[in-house]
Amino acid sequence: MVLKKNNLIIDNKVDIAELFNKHFVELVSGLQPVSETIYGKDFARHPSIKSVYKLNSHIHRHFSFISQTQVQQLILDVNVRTSCGNDMMLPRLVKQSASVIAKPITSILNC
């Protein structure tokens, strides 16, 4: 990484890190602390959250909860002839444990 500041080339990693650190410390020094009382429940009034909503206003944001039955059916539909994923769990094992793992997976998805 190479930076140019005041027509000087800076390529020393330590100097670059210190410049970035100084920049971000100065940037946030005048900001008020983040809290729900200022930005509302779930920080809905926070400028960054408002910006995300504004930029993505064209996207339909309707979410609904998924049922344990739906999750269990999706697990039962797993193709046992596929190979393991990164977790190294056999698809057959996942499918056979559907009745046990559907409830916690449903809770995670609905959170």
Protein backbone atom coordinates (compact mmCIF):
# COMPACT_ATOMS: atom_id res chain seq x y z
CA MET A 1 0.00 0.00 0.00
CA VAL A 2 1.27 3.43 -0.89
CA LEU A 3 -0.25 6.77 0.15
CA LYS A 4 0.43 10.27 -1.02
CA LYS A 5 0.03 13.10 1.50
CA ASN A 6 1.10 16.69 0.81
CA ASN A 7 2.92 15.46 -2.32
CA LEU A 8 4.98 13.00 -0.23
CA ILE A 9 4.89 9.28 -0.97
CA ILE A 10 4.35 7.19 2.15
CA ASP A 11 5.04 3.48 1.82
CA ASN A 12 6.13 2.52 5.34
CA LYS A 13 3.42 0.31 6.86
CA VAL A 14 3.80 1.83 10.34
CA ASP A 15 3.50 5.39 8.99
CA ILE A 16 0.43 4.41 6.95
CA ALA A 17 -1.19 2.77 9.99
CA GLU A 18 -0.52 5.86 12.10
CA LEU A 19 -2.05 8.12 9.44
CA PHE A 20 -5.18 5.99 9.30
CA ASN A 21 -5.37 5.85 13.09
CA LYS A 22 -5.05 9.63 13.39
CA HIS A 23 -7.68 10.13 10.68
CA PHE A 24 -10.25 7.86 12.33
CA VAL A 25 -9.60 9.19 15.84
CA GLU A 26 -10.20 12.74 14.61
CA LEU A 27 -13.21 11.61 12.60
CA VAL A 28 -15.08 10.17 15.58
CA SER A 29 -13.85 12.48 18.32
CA GLY A 30 -16.84 14.84 18.00
CA LEU A 31 -19.51 12.18 17.67
CA GLN A 32 -22.03 11.54 20.39
CA PRO A 33 -22.17 8.07 21.96
CA VAL A 34 -24.40 5.55 20.25
CA SER A 35 -27.48 4.68 22.33
CA GLU A 36 -31.08 3.55 21.89
CA THR A 37 -32.33 6.72 23.53
CA ILE A 38 -30.79 8.79 20.74
CA TYR A 39 -31.27 6.48 17.76
CA GLY A 40 -34.43 4.61 18.76
CA LYS A 41 -35.22 0.95 19.21
CA ASP A 42 -32.97 -1.22 17.04
CA PHE A 43 -31.11 1.99 16.11
CA ALA A 44 -33.66 2.68 13.34
CA ARG A 45 -32.86 6.42 13.41
CA HIS A 46 -29.09 5.92 13.13
CA PRO A 47 -27.72 7.65 9.99
CA SER A 48 -26.07 4.49 8.68
CA ILE A 49 -29.29 2.47 9.06
CA LYS A 50 -31.31 5.22 7.37
CA SER A 51 -28.79 5.26 4.52
CA VAL A 52 -29.09 1.51 3.99
CA TYR A 53 -32.89 1.75 3.88
CA LYS A 54 -32.75 4.69 1.49
CA LEU A 55 -30.30 2.97 -0.87
CA ASN A 56 -32.34 -0.23 -0.84
CA SER A 57 -35.84 1.28 -0.82
CA HIS A 58 -36.60 -0.43 -4.15
CA ILE A 59 -36.20 -3.85 -2.55
CA HIS A 60 -39.35 -5.37 -1.08
CA ARG A 61 -38.57 -6.02 2.59
CA HIS A 62 -41.22 -8.44 3.72
CA PHE A 63 -40.03 -11.21 5.97
CA SER A 64 -42.12 -13.92 7.52
CA PHE A 65 -41.33 -16.58 10.07
CA ILE A 66 -40.59 -20.09 8.96
CA SER A 67 -42.18 -23.03 10.75
CA GLN A 68 -40.43 -26.01 12.25
CA THR A 69 -42.36 -28.24 9.83
CA GLN A 70 -41.01 -26.27 6.85
CA VAL A 71 -37.44 -26.55 8.12
CA GLN A 72 -37.82 -30.24 8.81
CA GLN A 73 -39.18 -30.81 5.30
CA LEU A 74 -36.26 -28.91 3.77
CA ILE A 75 -33.84 -31.08 5.73
CA LEU A 76 -35.67 -34.23 4.66
CA ASP A 77 -35.33 -33.10 1.05
CA VAL A 78 -31.52 -33.13 1.30
CA ASN A 79 -29.96 -35.31 -1.38
CA VAL A 80 -27.97 -37.97 0.49
CA ARG A 81 -25.87 -38.68 -2.59
CA THR A 82 -24.11 -35.32 -2.36
CA SER A 83 -20.74 -34.92 -0.71
CA CYS A 84 -20.05 -33.37 2.68
CA GLY A 85 -19.83 -29.63 3.01
CA ASN A 86 -17.11 -27.70 4.83
CA ASP A 87 -18.55 -28.92 8.13
CA MET A 88 -17.81 -32.54 7.06
CA MET A 89 -21.29 -33.67 8.10
CA LEU A 90 -22.66 -36.48 6.01
CA PRO A 91 -25.92 -35.53 4.27
CA ARG A 92 -27.40 -38.85 5.37
CA LEU A 93 -26.71 -37.96 9.02
CA VAL A 94 -28.27 -34.51 8.58
CA LYS A 95 -31.36 -36.05 7.01
CA GLN A 96 -31.71 -38.73 9.69
CA SER A 97 -31.47 -36.12 12.46
CA ALA A 98 -34.08 -33.81 10.89
CA SER A 99 -36.62 -34.27 13.70
CA VAL A 100 -34.03 -33.28 16.32
CA ILE A 101 -32.25 -30.40 14.57
CA ALA A 102 -35.29 -28.74 12.96
CA LYS A 103 -36.34 -26.91 16.13
CA PRO A 104 -33.02 -25.16 16.89
CA ILE A 105 -32.47 -24.34 13.21
CA THR A 106 -35.96 -22.82 13.06
CA SER A 107 -35.20 -20.66 16.09
CA ILE A 108 -31.94 -19.46 14.54
CA LEU A 109 -33.59 -18.63 11.21
CA ASN A 110 -36.45 -16.76 12.85
CA CYS A 111 -34.06 -14.64 14.93
